[in-house]
Amino acid sequence: MKRIAVLVSLVFFVAYSWASEKKKICVQNTCIVAEVVRSGALQQQGLSGRETLSDTEGMLFVFAQEARYSFWMKGMKFSLDIIWIAHDGTIVDIKEQQRPCEAPCESLVPAKKALYVLEVTAGFAERHNITVGSKVRF
């Protein structure tokens, strides 16, 4: 029984450690600190249920391989810009000013394959002149 408790504690510790990984990300001359999510469960939850996100924060979704990953705004409490990034750091698509929705929600699908997706506050891309083709530095 004690081993099970230790194992469960370890699993929660590891999950929390992954969930709380942060990374500095820069686009153009603007840098933010993004929470990095790599696991399926954390990626499914994303920022849903959170109250706010500052202009200096974001969430970076890291996938195992490039694909056209779709996102939606279900369960969100604020609007976002969603930025898809290829393996080489090039922005391949941006969906700006995406508003929260209730079911059924539109799936937002990028024009090209991406390895990363960055969620930032709505209007971030416009305020910082970030466009398709801009380079992201990790």
C-alpha atoms as a PDB file:
ATOM      1  CA  MET A   1       0.000   0.000   0.000  1.00  0.00           C
ATOM      2  CA  LYS A   2       2.844   2.362   0.873  1.00  0.00           C
ATOM      3  CA  ARG A   3       4.493   1.683  -2.510  1.00  0.00           C
ATOM      4  CA  ILE A   4       1.272   2.617  -4.303  1.00  0.00           C
ATOM      5  CA  ALA A   5       1.086   5.895  -2.372  1.00  0.00           C
ATOM      6  CA  VAL A   6       4.701   6.685  -3.260  1.00  0.00           C
ATOM      7  CA  LEU A   7       4.087   5.809  -6.909  1.00  0.00           C
ATOM      8  CA  VAL A   8       0.956   7.991  -7.077  1.00  0.00           C
ATOM      9  CA  SER A   9       2.874  10.874  -5.446  1.00  0.00           C
ATOM     10  CA  LEU A  10       5.671  10.481  -7.973  1.00  0.00           C
ATOM     11  CA  VAL A  11       3.228  10.483 -10.898  1.00  0.00           C
ATOM     12  CA  PHE A  12       1.584  13.696  -9.634  1.00  0.00           C
ATOM     13  CA  PHE A  13       4.996  15.306  -9.060  1.00  0.00           C
ATOM     14  CA  VAL A  14       6.142  14.463 -12.598  1.00  0.00           C
ATOM     15  CA  ALA A  15       2.838  15.638 -14.114  1.00  0.00           C
ATOM     16  CA  TYR A  16       3.030  18.890 -12.150  1.00  0.00           C
ATOM     17  CA  SER A  17       6.664  19.408 -13.190  1.00  0.00           C
ATOM     18  CA  TRP A  18       5.769  19.028 -16.858  1.00  0.00           C
ATOM     19  CA  ALA A  19       2.756  21.276 -16.457  1.00  0.00           C
ATOM     20  CA  SER A  20       4.823  24.004 -14.843  1.00  0.00           C
ATOM     21  CA  GLU A  21       7.703  24.013 -17.373  1.00  0.00           C
ATOM     22  CA  LYS A  22       8.192  27.558 -18.655  1.00  0.00           C
ATOM     23  CA  LYS A  23      10.143  28.765 -21.655  1.00  0.00           C
ATOM     24  CA  LYS A  24      11.155  32.211 -22.931  1.00  0.00           C
ATOM     25  CA  ILE A  25       9.901  32.677 -26.480  1.00  0.00           C
ATOM     26  CA  CYS A  26      10.711  35.645 -28.710  1.00  0.00           C
ATOM     27  CA  VAL A  27       9.062  36.789 -31.931  1.00  0.00           C
ATOM     28  CA  GLN A  28      10.341  39.923 -33.657  1.00  0.00           C
ATOM     29  CA  ASN A  29      11.524  42.074 -30.715  1.00  0.00           C
ATOM     30  CA  THR A  30       8.908  40.772 -28.280  1.00  0.00           C
ATOM     31  CA  CYS A  31       9.539  38.057 -25.721  1.00  0.00           C
ATOM     32  CA  ILE A  32       7.075  36.250 -23.483  1.00  0.00           C
ATOM     33  CA  VAL A  33       7.224  33.447 -20.946  1.00  0.00           C
ATOM     34  CA  ALA A  34       5.152  30.485 -22.080  1.00  0.00           C
ATOM     35  CA  GLU A  35       3.939  27.503 -20.130  1.00  0.00           C
ATOM     36  CA  VAL A  36       5.010  24.424 -22.101  1.00  0.00           C
ATOM     37  CA  VAL A  37       2.567  21.536 -22.495  1.00  0.00           C
ATOM     38  CA  ARG A  38       3.600  18.258 -24.084  1.00  0.00           C
ATOM     39  CA  SER A  39       1.158  15.642 -22.795  1.00  0.00           C
ATOM     40  CA  GLY A  40      -2.217  14.886 -24.369  1.00  0.00           C
ATOM     41  CA  ALA A  41      -4.250  15.610 -21.227  1.00  0.00           C
ATOM     42  CA  LEU A  42      -2.596  18.980 -20.620  1.00  0.00           C
ATOM     43  CA  GLN A  43      -2.861  19.853 -24.304  1.00  0.00           C
ATOM     44  CA  GLN A  44      -6.582  19.069 -24.295  1.00  0.00           C
ATOM     45  CA  GLN A  45      -7.154  21.346 -21.323  1.00  0.00           C
ATOM     46  CA  GLY A  46      -4.892  24.129 -22.560  1.00  0.00           C
ATOM     47  CA  LEU A  47      -5.915  27.498 -21.142  1.00  0.00           C
ATOM     48  CA  SER A  48      -9.589  26.577 -20.732  1.00  0.00           C
ATOM     49  CA  GLY A  49     -10.979  27.436 -17.329  1.00  0.00           C
ATOM     50  CA  ARG A  50      -8.338  30.079 -16.610  1.00  0.00           C
ATOM     51  CA  GLU A  51      -9.485  33.595 -15.813  1.00  0.00           C
ATOM     52  CA  THR A  52      -6.811  35.677 -17.579  1.00  0.00           C
ATOM     53  CA  LEU A  53      -3.526  35.721 -19.433  1.00  0.00           C
ATOM     54  CA  SER A  54      -1.190  38.730 -19.428  1.00  0.00           C
ATOM     55  CA  ASP A  55       0.445  40.174 -22.543  1.00  0.00           C
ATOM     56  CA  THR A  56       3.791  38.745 -21.386  1.00  0.00           C
ATOM     57  CA  GLU A  57       2.507  35.170 -20.992  1.00  0.00           C
ATOM     58  CA  GLY A  58       1.439  32.369 -23.288  1.00  0.00           C
ATOM     59  CA  MET A  59       1.062  28.633 -23.649  1.00  0.00           C
ATOM     60  CA  LEU A  60       3.273  26.627 -26.002  1.00  0.00           C
ATOM     61  CA  PHE A  61       1.958  23.271 -27.231  1.00  0.00           C
ATOM     62  CA  VAL A  62       4.775  20.944 -28.304  1.00  0.00           C
ATOM     63  CA  PHE A  63       3.846  17.980 -30.499  1.00  0.00           C
ATOM     64  CA  ALA A  64       5.795  14.846 -31.442  1.00  0.00           C
ATOM     65  CA  GLN A  65       5.576  15.486 -35.193  1.00  0.00           C
ATOM     66  CA  GLU A  66       4.422  18.158 -37.600  1.00  0.00           C
ATOM     67  CA  ALA A  67       0.758  18.047 -38.574  1.00  0.00           C
ATOM     68  CA  ARG A  68      -2.221  20.362 -39.048  1.00  0.00           C
ATOM     69  CA  TYR A  69      -3.323  20.457 -35.382  1.00  0.00           C
ATOM     70  CA  SER A  70      -6.775  21.953 -34.884  1.00  0.00           C
ATOM     71  CA  PHE A  71      -7.781  24.033 -31.871  1.00  0.00           C
ATOM     72  CA  TRP A  72     -11.047  25.403 -30.550  1.00  0.00           C
ATOM     73  CA  MET A  73     -12.129  27.940 -27.957  1.00  0.00           C
ATOM     74  CA  LYS A  74     -14.521  25.802 -25.900  1.00  0.00           C
ATOM     75  CA  GLY A  75     -14.323  26.507 -22.172  1.00  0.00           C
ATOM     76  CA  MET A  76     -12.271  29.663 -22.624  1.00  0.00           C
ATOM     77  CA  LYS A  77     -12.999  32.795 -20.581  1.00  0.00           C
ATOM     78  CA  PHE A  78     -11.066  35.228 -22.787  1.00  0.00           C
ATOM     79  CA  SER A  79     -10.064  35.664 -26.432  1.00  0.00           C
ATOM     80  CA  LEU A  80      -6.764  34.492 -27.915  1.00  0.00           C
ATOM     81  CA  ASP A  81      -4.470  34.704 -30.894  1.00  0.00           C
ATOM     82  CA  ILE A  82      -3.371  31.205 -31.929  1.00  0.00           C
ATOM     83  CA  ILE A  83      -0.028  30.910 -33.743  1.00  0.00           C
ATOM     84  CA  TRP A  84       1.147  27.735 -35.529  1.00  0.00           C
ATOM     85  CA  ILE A  85       4.932  27.327 -35.821  1.00  0.00           C
ATOM     86  CA  ALA A  86       6.919  24.920 -38.029  1.00  0.00           C
ATOM     87  CA  HIS A  87       9.891  22.859 -36.833  1.00  0.00           C
ATOM     88  CA  ASP A  88      12.323  25.580 -37.991  1.00  0.00           C
ATOM     89  CA  GLY A  89      10.600  28.341 -35.994  1.00  0.00           C
ATOM     90  CA  THR A  90       8.724  29.876 -38.921  1.00  0.00           C
ATOM     91  CA  ILE A  91       5.147  30.964 -38.246  1.00  0.00           C
ATOM     92  CA  VAL A  92       2.953  29.129 -40.759  1.00  0.00           C
ATOM     93  CA  ASP A  93      -0.488  30.411 -39.685  1.00  0.00           C
ATOM     94  CA  ILE A  94      -2.174  32.783 -37.236  1.00  0.00           C
ATOM     95  CA  LYS A  95      -5.822  32.890 -36.165  1.00  0.00           C
ATOM     96  CA  GLU A  96      -6.319  36.255 -34.482  1.00  0.00           C
ATOM     97  CA  GLN A  97      -8.950  37.454 -32.019  1.00  0.00           C
ATOM     98  CA  GLN A  98     -10.513  34.033 -31.418  1.00  0.00           C
ATOM     99  CA  ARG A  99     -13.429  34.348 -29.017  1.00  0.00           C
ATOM    100  CA  PRO A 100     -14.668  31.824 -26.449  1.00  0.00           C
ATOM    101  CA  CYS A 101     -17.496  29.591 -27.627  1.00  0.00           C
ATOM    102  CA  GLU A 102     -20.047  27.076 -26.408  1.00  0.00           C
ATOM    103  CA  ALA A 103     -20.711  23.799 -28.206  1.00  0.00           C
ATOM    104  CA  PRO A 104     -20.735  23.455 -31.099  1.00  0.00           C
ATOM    105  CA  CYS A 105     -17.421  25.278 -31.544  1.00  0.00           C
ATOM    106  CA  GLU A 106     -15.579  25.903 -34.790  1.00  0.00           C
ATOM    107  CA  SER A 107     -12.337  23.954 -35.231  1.00  0.00           C
ATOM    108  CA  LEU A 108      -9.473  26.249 -36.145  1.00  0.00           C
ATOM    109  CA  VAL A 109      -7.231  24.438 -38.620  1.00  0.00           C
ATOM    110  CA  PRO A 110      -3.926  25.892 -39.858  1.00  0.00           C
ATOM    111  CA  ALA A 111      -3.065  26.281 -43.526  1.00  0.00           C
ATOM    112  CA  LYS A 112       0.155  24.277 -43.106  1.00  0.00           C
ATOM    113  CA  LYS A 113       1.681  21.676 -40.811  1.00  0.00           C
ATOM    114  CA  ALA A 114       3.210  22.832 -37.525  1.00  0.00           C
ATOM    115  CA  LEU A 115       5.229  21.295 -34.700  1.00  0.00           C
ATOM    116  CA  TYR A 116       4.311  23.972 -32.154  1.00  0.00           C
ATOM    117  CA  VAL A 117       1.270  26.079 -31.369  1.00  0.00           C
ATOM    118  CA  LEU A 118       1.514  29.244 -29.295  1.00  0.00           C
ATOM    119  CA  GLU A 119      -1.542  30.758 -27.605  1.00  0.00           C
ATOM    120  CA  VAL A 120      -1.270  34.399 -26.566  1.00  0.00           C
ATOM    121  CA  THR A 121      -3.685  37.181 -25.620  1.00  0.00           C
ATOM    122  CA  ALA A 122      -6.024  38.437 -28.338  1.00  0.00           C
ATOM    123  CA  GLY A 123      -4.486  41.222 -30.384  1.00  0.00           C
ATOM    124  CA  PHE A 124      -0.915  40.162 -29.525  1.00  0.00           C
ATOM    125  CA  ALA A 125       0.030  39.431 -33.148  1.00  0.00           C
ATOM    126  CA  GLU A 126      -1.281  42.772 -34.394  1.00  0.00           C
ATOM    127  CA  ARG A 127       0.231  44.792 -31.514  1.00  0.00           C
ATOM    128  CA  HIS A 128       3.664  43.283 -32.129  1.00  0.00           C
ATOM    129  CA  ASN A 129       3.512  43.120 -35.954  1.00  0.00           C
ATOM    130  CA  ILE A 130       3.746  39.321 -35.993  1.00  0.00           C
ATOM    131  CA  THR A 131       2.799  37.766 -39.315  1.00  0.00           C
ATOM    132  CA  VAL A 132       3.003  34.477 -41.190  1.00  0.00           C
ATOM    133  CA  GLY A 133       6.682  34.033 -42.072  1.00  0.00           C
ATOM    134  CA  SER A 134       7.956  35.681 -38.868  1.00  0.00           C
ATOM    135  CA  LYS A 135      10.583  33.664 -37.002  1.00  0.00           C
ATOM    136  CA  VAL A 136      10.181  32.447 -33.420  1.00  0.00           C
ATOM    137  CA  ARG A 137      13.209  32.022 -31.154  1.00  0.00           C
ATOM    138  CA  PHE A 138      12.950  29.479 -28.324  1.00  0.00           C
END
